[in-house]
Amino acid sequence: MTDQPRNAPLDVLRDGALKATVWRNEGEKGVYFTTTLSKTFEQNGELRDGQNFSGTDLLRVAELARHAYETIRNHRLTESWAKRQSTNGASTAPSPAA
């Protein structure tokens, strides 16, 4: 058992019961991002997340995945900019919508 705090998601994107949870992780090769796609449902009075999607969910899942990609891209740009700032002292922020 460790005393480390639980890793909180970087962002949670929703479309009704569908959810894309974006995680920032650090490994041997540096920072990387992952995304968990899920669908919230109720079972025996408890909310649960599953990974099964109906045919009518798929387009919405694809759009959530696209938004998750944009979220990760923006965080990568921001982190890259911050890293450059710490090494060269420049002061112009990147435009995440490039």
N, C-alpha and C. Protein backbone atom coordinates (compact mmCIF):
# COMPACT_ATOMS: atom_id res chain seq x y z
N MET A 1 0.84 -1.19 0.00
CA MET A 1 0.00 0.00 0.00
C MET A 1 0.89 1.24 0.00
N THR A 2 0.57 2.23 -0.88
CA THR A 2 1.38 3.45 -0.98
C THR A 2 0.58 4.64 -0.47
N ASP A 3 1.32 5.70 -0.15
CA ASP A 3 0.68 6.93 0.31
C ASP A 3 0.49 7.93 -0.82
N GLN A 4 0.73 7.52 -2.07
CA GLN A 4 0.57 8.42 -3.20
C GLN A 4 -0.91 8.69 -3.44
N PRO A 5 -1.25 9.96 -3.80
CA PRO A 5 -2.65 10.25 -4.11
C PRO A 5 -3.07 9.56 -5.40
N ARG A 6 -4.33 9.27 -5.50
CA ARG A 6 -4.88 8.64 -6.69
C ARG A 6 -4.72 9.59 -7.88
N ASN A 7 -4.34 9.07 -9.01
CA ASN A 7 -4.16 9.87 -10.21
C ASN A 7 -5.52 10.34 -10.72
N ALA A 8 -5.73 11.64 -10.73
CA ALA A 8 -6.99 12.20 -11.22
C ALA A 8 -6.91 12.37 -12.74
N PRO A 9 -8.05 12.24 -13.43
CA PRO A 9 -8.03 12.44 -14.88
C PRO A 9 -7.67 13.88 -15.23
N LEU A 10 -7.03 14.04 -16.38
CA LEU A 10 -6.69 15.36 -16.90
C LEU A 10 -7.97 16.08 -17.33
N ASP A 11 -8.90 15.32 -17.94
CA ASP A 11 -10.16 15.90 -18.40
C ASP A 11 -11.18 14.78 -18.59
N VAL A 12 -12.45 15.12 -18.44
CA VAL A 12 -13.54 14.19 -18.70
C VAL A 12 -14.50 14.88 -19.66
N LEU A 13 -14.67 14.27 -20.84
CA LEU A 13 -15.56 14.81 -21.87
C LEU A 13 -16.81 13.94 -21.90
N ARG A 14 -17.98 14.56 -22.01
CA ARG A 14 -19.23 13.80 -21.98
C ARG A 14 -20.14 14.16 -23.13
N ASP A 15 -20.93 13.18 -23.53
CA ASP A 15 -22.05 13.36 -24.45
C ASP A 15 -23.14 12.43 -23.94
N GLY A 16 -24.01 12.98 -23.11
CA GLY A 16 -25.03 12.15 -22.47
C GLY A 16 -24.37 11.12 -21.58
N ALA A 17 -24.70 9.83 -21.79
CA ALA A 17 -24.13 8.76 -20.98
C ALA A 17 -22.73 8.36 -21.44
N LEU A 18 -22.30 8.86 -22.59
CA LEU A 18 -20.98 8.51 -23.11
C LEU A 18 -19.91 9.41 -22.51
N LYS A 19 -18.74 8.84 -22.30
CA LYS A 19 -17.69 9.58 -21.61
C LYS A 19 -16.32 9.21 -22.18
N ALA A 20 -15.47 10.23 -22.36
CA ALA A 20 -14.07 10.04 -22.72
C ALA A 20 -13.25 10.65 -21.58
N THR A 21 -12.49 9.82 -20.90
CA THR A 21 -11.66 10.27 -19.79
C THR A 21 -10.22 10.30 -20.27
N VAL A 22 -9.59 11.48 -20.18
CA VAL A 22 -8.22 11.67 -20.65
C VAL A 22 -7.28 11.65 -19.45
N TRP A 23 -6.23 10.83 -19.56
CA TRP A 23 -5.26 10.66 -18.49
C TRP A 23 -3.88 11.12 -18.94
N ARG A 24 -3.15 11.77 -18.05
CA ARG A 24 -1.75 12.14 -18.28
C ARG A 24 -0.91 11.19 -17.44
N ASN A 25 0.04 10.54 -18.06
CA ASN A 25 0.88 9.57 -17.38
C ASN A 25 2.35 9.89 -17.60
N GLU A 26 3.19 9.40 -16.71
CA GLU A 26 4.63 9.54 -16.88
C GLU A 26 5.25 8.16 -16.82
N GLY A 27 6.10 7.87 -17.81
CA GLY A 27 6.77 6.58 -17.88
C GLY A 27 8.26 6.76 -18.10
N GLU A 28 8.92 5.66 -18.37
CA GLU A 28 10.37 5.69 -18.58
C GLU A 28 10.77 6.60 -19.73
N LYS A 29 9.90 6.71 -20.74
CA LYS A 29 10.22 7.53 -21.91
C LYS A 29 9.61 8.92 -21.84
N GLY A 30 9.06 9.29 -20.69
CA GLY A 30 8.50 10.63 -20.52
C GLY A 30 6.99 10.61 -20.38
N VAL A 31 6.39 11.76 -20.66
CA VAL A 31 4.95 11.95 -20.51
C VAL A 31 4.21 11.33 -21.70
N TYR A 32 3.08 10.66 -21.41
CA TYR A 32 2.20 10.17 -22.45
C TYR A 32 0.76 10.28 -21.98
N PHE A 33 -0.16 10.28 -22.92
CA PHE A 33 -1.57 10.45 -22.62
C PHE A 33 -2.35 9.22 -23.08
N THR A 34 -3.38 8.88 -22.33
CA THR A 34 -4.28 7.80 -22.71
C THR A 34 -5.72 8.27 -22.55
N THR A 35 -6.63 7.59 -23.21
CA THR A 35 -8.05 7.93 -23.12
C THR A 35 -8.86 6.66 -22.89
N THR A 36 -9.79 6.73 -21.96
CA THR A 36 -10.72 5.64 -21.71
C THR A 36 -12.09 6.07 -22.21
N LEU A 37 -12.68 5.27 -23.10
CA LEU A 37 -14.03 5.54 -23.60
C LEU A 37 -14.99 4.63 -22.84
N SER A 38 -16.10 5.19 -22.35
CA SER A 38 -17.04 4.38 -21.59
C SER A 38 -18.46 4.92 -21.72
N LYS A 39 -19.38 4.10 -21.24
CA LYS A 39 -20.81 4.47 -21.24
C LYS A 39 -21.33 4.22 -19.84
N THR A 40 -21.89 5.27 -19.22
CA THR A 40 -22.43 5.16 -17.87
C THR A 40 -23.84 4.58 -17.93
N PHE A 41 -24.10 3.63 -17.04
CA PHE A 41 -25.43 3.03 -16.95
C PHE A 41 -25.75 2.75 -15.49
N GLU A 42 -27.01 2.51 -15.21
CA GLU A 42 -27.43 2.21 -13.84
C GLU A 42 -27.74 0.73 -13.72
N GLN A 43 -27.21 0.12 -12.66
CA GLN A 43 -27.47 -1.28 -12.38
C GLN A 43 -27.68 -1.45 -10.88
N ASN A 44 -28.85 -1.95 -10.52
CA ASN A 44 -29.20 -2.14 -9.11
C ASN A 44 -29.03 -0.86 -8.30
N GLY A 45 -29.43 0.26 -8.87
CA GLY A 45 -29.38 1.54 -8.17
C GLY A 45 -28.00 2.19 -8.12
N GLU A 46 -27.00 1.57 -8.75
CA GLU A 46 -25.64 2.11 -8.75
C GLU A 46 -25.25 2.51 -10.16
N LEU A 47 -24.54 3.65 -10.28
CA LEU A 47 -24.00 4.05 -11.58
C LEU A 47 -22.71 3.29 -11.83
N ARG A 48 -22.60 2.75 -13.04
CA ARG A 48 -21.42 1.98 -13.43
C ARG A 48 -20.99 2.43 -14.82
N ASP A 49 -19.75 2.13 -15.16
CA ASP A 49 -19.24 2.43 -16.49
C ASP A 49 -18.96 1.12 -17.22
N GLY A 50 -19.39 1.05 -18.47
CA GLY A 50 -19.11 -0.11 -19.31
C GLY A 50 -18.41 0.32 -20.57
N GLN A 51 -17.89 -0.64 -21.31
CA GLN A 51 -17.18 -0.34 -22.55
C GLN A 51 -17.88 -0.92 -23.77
N ASN A 52 -19.17 -1.16 -23.67
CA ASN A 52 -19.96 -1.67 -24.79
C ASN A 52 -20.81 -0.54 -25.35
N PHE A 53 -20.81 -0.41 -26.68
CA PHE A 53 -21.54 0.68 -27.32
C PHE A 53 -22.46 0.11 -28.39
N SER A 54 -23.65 0.67 -28.47
CA SER A 54 -24.59 0.24 -29.51
C SER A 54 -24.21 0.90 -30.83
N GLY A 55 -24.80 0.43 -31.91
CA GLY A 55 -24.54 1.02 -33.22
C GLY A 55 -24.86 2.50 -33.26
N THR A 56 -25.91 2.91 -32.55
CA THR A 56 -26.29 4.32 -32.56
C THR A 56 -25.35 5.17 -31.69
N ASP A 57 -24.54 4.54 -30.84
CA ASP A 57 -23.57 5.27 -30.02
C ASP A 57 -22.29 5.59 -30.79
N LEU A 58 -22.01 4.83 -31.83
CA LEU A 58 -20.67 4.86 -32.43
C LEU A 58 -20.25 6.21 -33.00
N LEU A 59 -21.14 6.92 -33.66
CA LEU A 59 -20.77 8.23 -34.18
C LEU A 59 -20.46 9.20 -33.03
N ARG A 60 -21.26 9.12 -31.97
CA ARG A 60 -21.00 9.98 -30.80
C ARG A 60 -19.68 9.60 -30.12
N VAL A 61 -19.37 8.30 -30.07
CA VAL A 61 -18.08 7.86 -29.52
C VAL A 61 -16.94 8.41 -30.37
N ALA A 62 -17.10 8.36 -31.69
CA ALA A 62 -16.07 8.89 -32.59
C ALA A 62 -15.85 10.38 -32.36
N GLU A 63 -16.91 11.13 -32.16
CA GLU A 63 -16.78 12.57 -31.90
C GLU A 63 -16.10 12.81 -30.56
N LEU A 64 -16.43 12.02 -29.54
CA LEU A 64 -15.74 12.15 -28.25
C LEU A 64 -14.26 11.84 -28.40
N ALA A 65 -13.94 10.82 -29.19
CA ALA A 65 -12.53 10.47 -29.43
C ALA A 65 -11.81 11.63 -30.12
N ARG A 66 -12.46 12.27 -31.07
CA ARG A 66 -11.86 13.42 -31.76
C ARG A 66 -11.60 14.56 -30.78
N HIS A 67 -12.57 14.82 -29.90
CA HIS A 67 -12.39 15.89 -28.89
C HIS A 67 -11.30 15.52 -27.89
N ALA A 68 -11.19 14.24 -27.55
CA ALA A 68 -10.12 13.79 -26.66
C ALA A 68 -8.77 14.02 -27.32
N TYR A 69 -8.67 13.72 -28.62
CA TYR A 69 -7.44 13.96 -29.36
C TYR A 69 -7.07 15.45 -29.31
N GLU A 70 -8.04 16.32 -29.53
CA GLU A 70 -7.78 17.77 -29.49
C GLU A 70 -7.32 18.20 -28.09
N THR A 71 -7.94 17.64 -27.07
CA THR A 71 -7.56 17.95 -25.69
C THR A 71 -6.12 17.55 -25.44
N ILE A 72 -5.74 16.34 -25.85
CA ILE A 72 -4.37 15.86 -25.67
C ILE A 72 -3.40 16.73 -26.47
N ARG A 73 -3.75 17.05 -27.70
CA ARG A 73 -2.89 17.88 -28.54
C ARG A 73 -2.65 19.24 -27.88
N ASN A 74 -3.69 19.85 -27.35
CA ASN A 74 -3.55 21.15 -26.69
C ASN A 74 -2.67 21.06 -25.45
N HIS A 75 -2.81 19.98 -24.68
CA HIS A 75 -1.95 19.82 -23.50
C HIS A 75 -0.51 19.59 -23.89
N ARG A 76 -0.28 18.84 -24.96
CA ARG A 76 1.09 18.63 -25.43
C ARG A 76 1.72 19.95 -25.86
N LEU A 77 0.96 20.77 -26.60
CA LEU A 77 1.47 22.07 -27.02
C LEU A 77 1.79 22.95 -25.82
N THR A 78 0.90 22.97 -24.86
CA THR A 78 1.10 23.80 -23.67
C THR A 78 2.31 23.34 -22.88
N GLU A 79 2.45 22.02 -22.70
CA GLU A 79 3.60 21.50 -21.97
C GLU A 79 4.91 21.75 -22.71
N SER A 80 4.87 21.61 -24.04
CA SER A 80 6.05 21.87 -24.84
C SER A 80 6.45 23.34 -24.74
N TRP A 81 5.46 24.23 -24.79
CA TRP A 81 5.72 25.66 -24.67
C TRP A 81 6.31 25.98 -23.30
N ALA A 82 5.73 25.41 -22.25
CA ALA A 82 6.22 25.67 -20.89
C ALA A 82 7.65 25.18 -20.73
N LYS A 83 7.96 24.04 -21.33
CA LYS A 83 9.32 23.50 -21.26
C LYS A 83 10.30 24.44 -21.95
N ARG A 84 9.91 24.94 -23.12
CA ARG A 84 10.78 25.90 -23.83
C ARG A 84 10.95 27.18 -23.03
N GLN A 85 9.89 27.61 -22.37
CA GLN A 85 9.95 28.84 -21.57
C GLN A 85 10.97 28.70 -20.44
N SER A 86 10.99 27.53 -19.83
CA SER A 86 11.90 27.33 -18.71
C SER A 86 13.35 27.28 -19.17
N THR A 87 13.59 26.98 -20.45
CA THR A 87 14.97 26.90 -20.93
C THR A 87 15.45 28.16 -21.62
N ASN A 88 14.52 28.94 -22.25
CA ASN A 88 15.01 30.11 -22.99
C ASN A 88 14.36 31.43 -22.58
N GLY A 89 13.35 31.40 -21.70
CA GLY A 89 12.80 32.64 -21.18
C GLY A 89 11.89 33.42 -22.12
N ALA A 90 11.44 32.86 -23.24
CA ALA A 90 10.52 33.57 -24.13
C ALA A 90 9.17 33.73 -23.45
N SER A 91 8.33 34.65 -23.99
CA SER A 91 7.09 34.95 -23.28
C SER A 91 5.83 34.89 -24.12
N THR A 92 5.87 34.31 -25.31
CA THR A 92 4.68 34.23 -26.14
C THR A 92 4.08 32.84 -26.06
N ALA A 93 2.81 32.76 -25.67
CA ALA A 93 2.12 31.47 -25.52
C ALA A 93 1.73 30.92 -26.89
N PRO A 94 1.66 29.58 -27.01
CA PRO A 94 1.23 28.98 -28.27
C PRO A 94 -0.26 29.11 -28.47
N SER A 95 -0.71 29.01 -29.70
CA SER A 95 -2.12 29.01 -30.00
C SER A 95 -2.58 27.57 -30.14
N PRO A 96 -3.40 27.04 -29.18
CA PRO A 96 -3.79 25.65 -29.25
C PRO A 96 -4.69 25.31 -30.42
N ALA A 97 -5.30 26.31 -31.06
CA ALA A 97 -6.22 26.07 -32.17
C ALA A 97 -5.52 26.11 -33.51
N ALA A 98 -4.20 25.95 -33.51
CA ALA A 98 -3.44 26.02 -34.78
C ALA A 98 -3.77 24.90 -35.71
